[in-house]
Amino acid sequence: IDPAGIVVTNNHVIADADEINVIMNDGTKIKAELVGVDKKTDIAVLKFKPVKPLVAVKFGDSDKLRLGEWVIAIGNPFSLGGSVTAGIVSARNRDISQGPYDSYIQTDASINRGNSGGPLFNLDGEVIGVNTAIISPTGGSIGIGFAVPADTAVAVIDQLKQFGETRRGWL
């Protein structure tokens, strides 16, 4: 998300890891350090030192998503390498009982194990979600995938970058 080497993924992807690496498209493996995690939204921010210039993705406004809108999910399912799938937004603000901040984007774009932490793009090339979860009795995609909306993720990412943790108000 930043050419300086800031990366976003899911907390469950890096949880309990002894070492974290970022693997570039050309296969280059670079050691990354953990900036911070938010278990309640399942977001993690990493930092690494790029070996060559990077281009950052841009976040879009997930509140403007409409049901039926086309989206593209990118990930690394089953460690096969880069994968791109397309589908539509099936629902917004979906509660799947994963935590206090459930408000997922539901899509039928094929999301499998290994897609977690990858971007969900709109057709303008903006990240509108972070692929996070699936419902699957078999472990594979059955067309029900979920992403943390960009509007939720950006607020959490900003706090993790600034403080290394999230700081939520409460009464």
Protein backbone atom coordinates (compact mmCIF):
# COMPACT_ATOMS: atom_id res chain seq x y z
CA ILE A 1 0.00 0.00 0.00
CA ASP A 2 3.11 2.20 0.15
CA PRO A 3 6.16 2.17 -2.16
CA ALA A 4 8.33 2.34 0.97
CA GLY A 5 7.42 -1.30 1.66
CA ILE A 6 4.23 -1.26 3.74
CA VAL A 7 2.06 -4.34 3.20
CA VAL A 8 -1.38 -5.28 4.51
CA THR A 9 -2.53 -8.84 5.16
CA ASN A 10 -4.73 -10.66 7.63
CA ASN A 11 -3.71 -11.28 11.21
CA HIS A 12 -4.61 -14.96 10.86
CA VAL A 13 -2.08 -15.26 8.01
CA ILE A 14 0.89 -14.20 10.16
CA ALA A 15 -0.33 -15.15 13.65
CA ASP A 16 2.19 -17.22 15.63
CA ALA A 17 4.80 -16.88 12.86
CA ASP A 18 8.46 -17.14 13.86
CA GLU A 19 9.52 -15.33 10.70
CA ILE A 20 7.53 -13.30 8.18
CA ASN A 21 8.55 -12.95 4.54
CA VAL A 22 7.08 -11.00 1.65
CA ILE A 23 7.36 -12.81 -1.68
CA MET A 24 7.44 -10.57 -4.73
CA ASN A 25 5.99 -11.48 -8.16
CA ASP A 26 9.44 -12.47 -9.42
CA GLY A 27 9.88 -14.89 -6.49
CA THR A 28 12.20 -12.66 -4.46
CA LYS A 29 11.71 -13.36 -0.75
CA ILE A 30 12.26 -10.43 1.61
CA LYS A 31 12.14 -10.56 5.39
CA ALA A 32 9.39 -8.35 6.84
CA GLU A 33 8.79 -6.95 10.29
CA LEU A 34 5.43 -6.71 11.97
CA VAL A 35 4.20 -3.12 12.39
CA GLY A 36 1.01 -4.09 14.19
CA VAL A 37 -2.10 -6.27 14.22
CA ASP A 38 -5.75 -5.80 15.01
CA LYS A 39 -7.30 -9.14 15.91
CA LYS A 40 -10.82 -7.70 16.00
CA THR A 41 -10.77 -6.84 12.29
CA ASP A 42 -8.15 -9.48 11.37
CA ILE A 43 -5.83 -6.87 9.84
CA ALA A 44 -2.01 -6.92 10.03
CA VAL A 45 0.48 -4.36 8.73
CA LEU A 46 4.02 -5.38 7.74
CA LYS A 47 7.07 -3.42 6.65
CA PHE A 48 9.98 -4.56 4.50
CA LYS A 49 12.84 -2.94 2.63
CA PRO A 50 12.14 -3.13 -1.13
CA VAL A 51 15.04 -4.17 -3.35
CA LYS A 52 13.60 -2.28 -6.32
CA PRO A 53 10.99 0.47 -6.76
CA LEU A 54 7.40 -0.50 -6.03
CA VAL A 55 4.05 0.82 -7.17
CA ALA A 56 1.41 1.15 -4.45
CA VAL A 57 -2.25 0.25 -4.81
CA LYS A 58 -4.93 2.82 -4.08
CA PHE A 59 -7.84 2.26 -1.71
CA GLY A 60 -11.34 3.00 -2.98
CA ASP A 61 -14.55 3.86 -1.17
CA SER A 62 -16.16 0.56 -0.17
CA ASP A 63 -19.29 2.41 0.99
CA LYS A 64 -20.03 3.14 -2.67
CA LEU A 65 -20.12 -0.56 -3.61
CA ARG A 66 -23.40 -1.74 -5.03
CA LEU A 67 -24.83 -5.25 -5.05
CA GLY A 68 -24.09 -6.91 -8.39
CA GLU A 69 -20.97 -4.80 -8.99
CA TRP A 70 -18.03 -6.73 -10.44
CA VAL A 71 -14.94 -7.26 -8.27
CA ILE A 72 -11.60 -9.01 -8.69
CA ALA A 73 -9.91 -11.05 -5.94
CA ILE A 74 -6.15 -11.58 -6.00
CA GLY A 75 -4.28 -14.05 -3.86
CA ASN A 76 -2.09 -17.13 -3.68
CA PRO A 77 -4.52 -20.03 -3.16
CA PHE A 78 -2.99 -23.31 -2.05
CA SER A 79 0.48 -21.76 -2.64
CA LEU A 80 0.06 -22.18 -6.41
CA GLY A 81 1.28 -18.66 -7.15
CA GLY A 82 -0.63 -15.53 -8.11
CA SER A 83 -4.30 -16.03 -8.82
CA VAL A 84 -6.93 -13.62 -10.10
CA THR A 85 -10.66 -14.36 -9.97
CA ALA A 86 -13.71 -12.27 -10.77
CA GLY A 87 -17.19 -12.18 -9.33
CA ILE A 88 -19.88 -9.86 -8.08
CA VAL A 89 -20.70 -8.24 -4.76
CA SER A 90 -23.42 -10.41 -3.26
CA ALA A 91 -23.91 -8.46 -0.03
CA ARG A 92 -22.51 -5.64 2.07
CA ASN A 93 -22.35 -5.31 5.86
CA ARG A 94 -22.50 -9.10 6.23
CA ASP A 95 -22.19 -10.39 9.81
CA ILE A 96 -20.57 -13.85 9.90
CA SER A 97 -20.07 -13.95 13.69
CA GLN A 98 -16.29 -13.50 13.54
CA GLY A 99 -16.02 -10.56 15.92
CA PRO A 100 -17.41 -7.26 17.08
CA TYR A 101 -16.62 -5.47 13.80
CA ASP A 102 -18.29 -7.85 11.35
CA SER A 103 -19.39 -5.85 8.34
CA TYR A 104 -17.95 -7.87 5.48
CA ILE A 105 -18.29 -7.54 1.74
CA GLN A 106 -19.63 -10.85 0.43
CA THR A 107 -18.57 -11.90 -3.06
CA ASP A 108 -18.79 -14.94 -5.27
CA ALA A 109 -15.31 -14.22 -6.69
CA SER A 110 -13.46 -17.44 -5.96
CA ILE A 111 -11.63 -17.03 -2.66
CA ASN A 112 -9.79 -20.09 -1.35
CA ARG A 113 -7.26 -20.84 1.37
CA GLY A 114 -4.27 -18.68 0.53
CA ASN A 115 -6.30 -15.75 -0.77
CA SER A 116 -6.50 -14.31 2.75
CA GLY A 117 -4.86 -10.93 3.02
CA GLY A 118 -5.05 -10.31 -0.72
CA PRO A 119 -6.85 -7.35 -2.25
CA LEU A 120 -10.40 -7.23 -3.55
CA PHE A 121 -10.42 -4.70 -6.40
CA ASN A 122 -13.25 -2.81 -8.06
CA LEU A 123 -13.14 -2.36 -11.83
CA ASP A 124 -11.42 1.03 -11.40
CA GLY A 125 -8.39 -0.81 -9.98
CA GLU A 126 -9.00 0.42 -6.42
CA VAL A 127 -8.74 -1.88 -3.41
CA ILE A 128 -12.21 -1.99 -1.89
CA GLY A 129 -11.58 -4.89 0.49
CA VAL A 130 -9.08 -7.28 2.07
CA ASN A 131 -9.96 -10.93 1.37
CA THR A 132 -10.45 -12.55 4.75
CA ALA A 133 -12.78 -15.52 5.05
CA ILE A 134 -14.82 -18.15 3.26
CA ILE A 135 -17.70 -20.38 4.16
CA SER A 136 -16.87 -23.84 2.95
CA PRO A 137 -17.79 -27.30 4.19
CA THR A 138 -15.02 -28.78 1.99
CA GLY A 139 -12.19 -26.23 2.42
CA GLY A 140 -12.51 -24.96 -1.16
CA SER A 141 -14.48 -22.11 -2.66
CA ILE A 142 -18.22 -22.63 -2.98
CA GLY A 143 -18.84 -19.05 -4.04
CA ILE A 144 -19.20 -17.46 -0.62
CA GLY A 145 -16.20 -15.29 0.24
CA PHE A 146 -15.79 -12.29 2.50
CA ALA A 147 -13.55 -9.23 2.57
CA VAL A 148 -12.97 -6.54 5.18
CA PRO A 149 -14.26 -3.33 3.55
CA ALA A 150 -11.60 -0.79 2.61
CA ASP A 151 -13.27 1.89 4.72
CA THR A 152 -12.82 -0.31 7.82
CA ALA A 153 -9.34 -1.47 6.84
CA VAL A 154 -7.93 2.01 6.09
CA ALA A 155 -8.85 3.37 9.53
CA VAL A 156 -7.24 0.34 11.21
CA ILE A 157 -4.15 0.47 8.96
CA ASP A 158 -3.61 4.16 9.72
CA GLN A 159 -3.70 3.49 13.46
CA LEU A 160 -1.40 0.47 13.20
CA LYS A 161 1.11 2.50 11.18
CA GLN A 162 0.96 5.42 13.63
CA PHE A 163 0.73 3.63 16.99
CA GLY A 164 1.46 -0.07 16.33
CA GLU A 165 -1.99 -0.83 17.74
CA THR A 166 -5.59 0.26 17.36
CA ARG A 167 -7.02 2.82 19.74
CA ARG A 168 -10.77 2.65 19.96
CA GLY A 169 -13.00 4.92 21.98
CA TRP A 170 -15.47 3.43 24.39
CA LEU A 171 -18.08 4.53 26.88
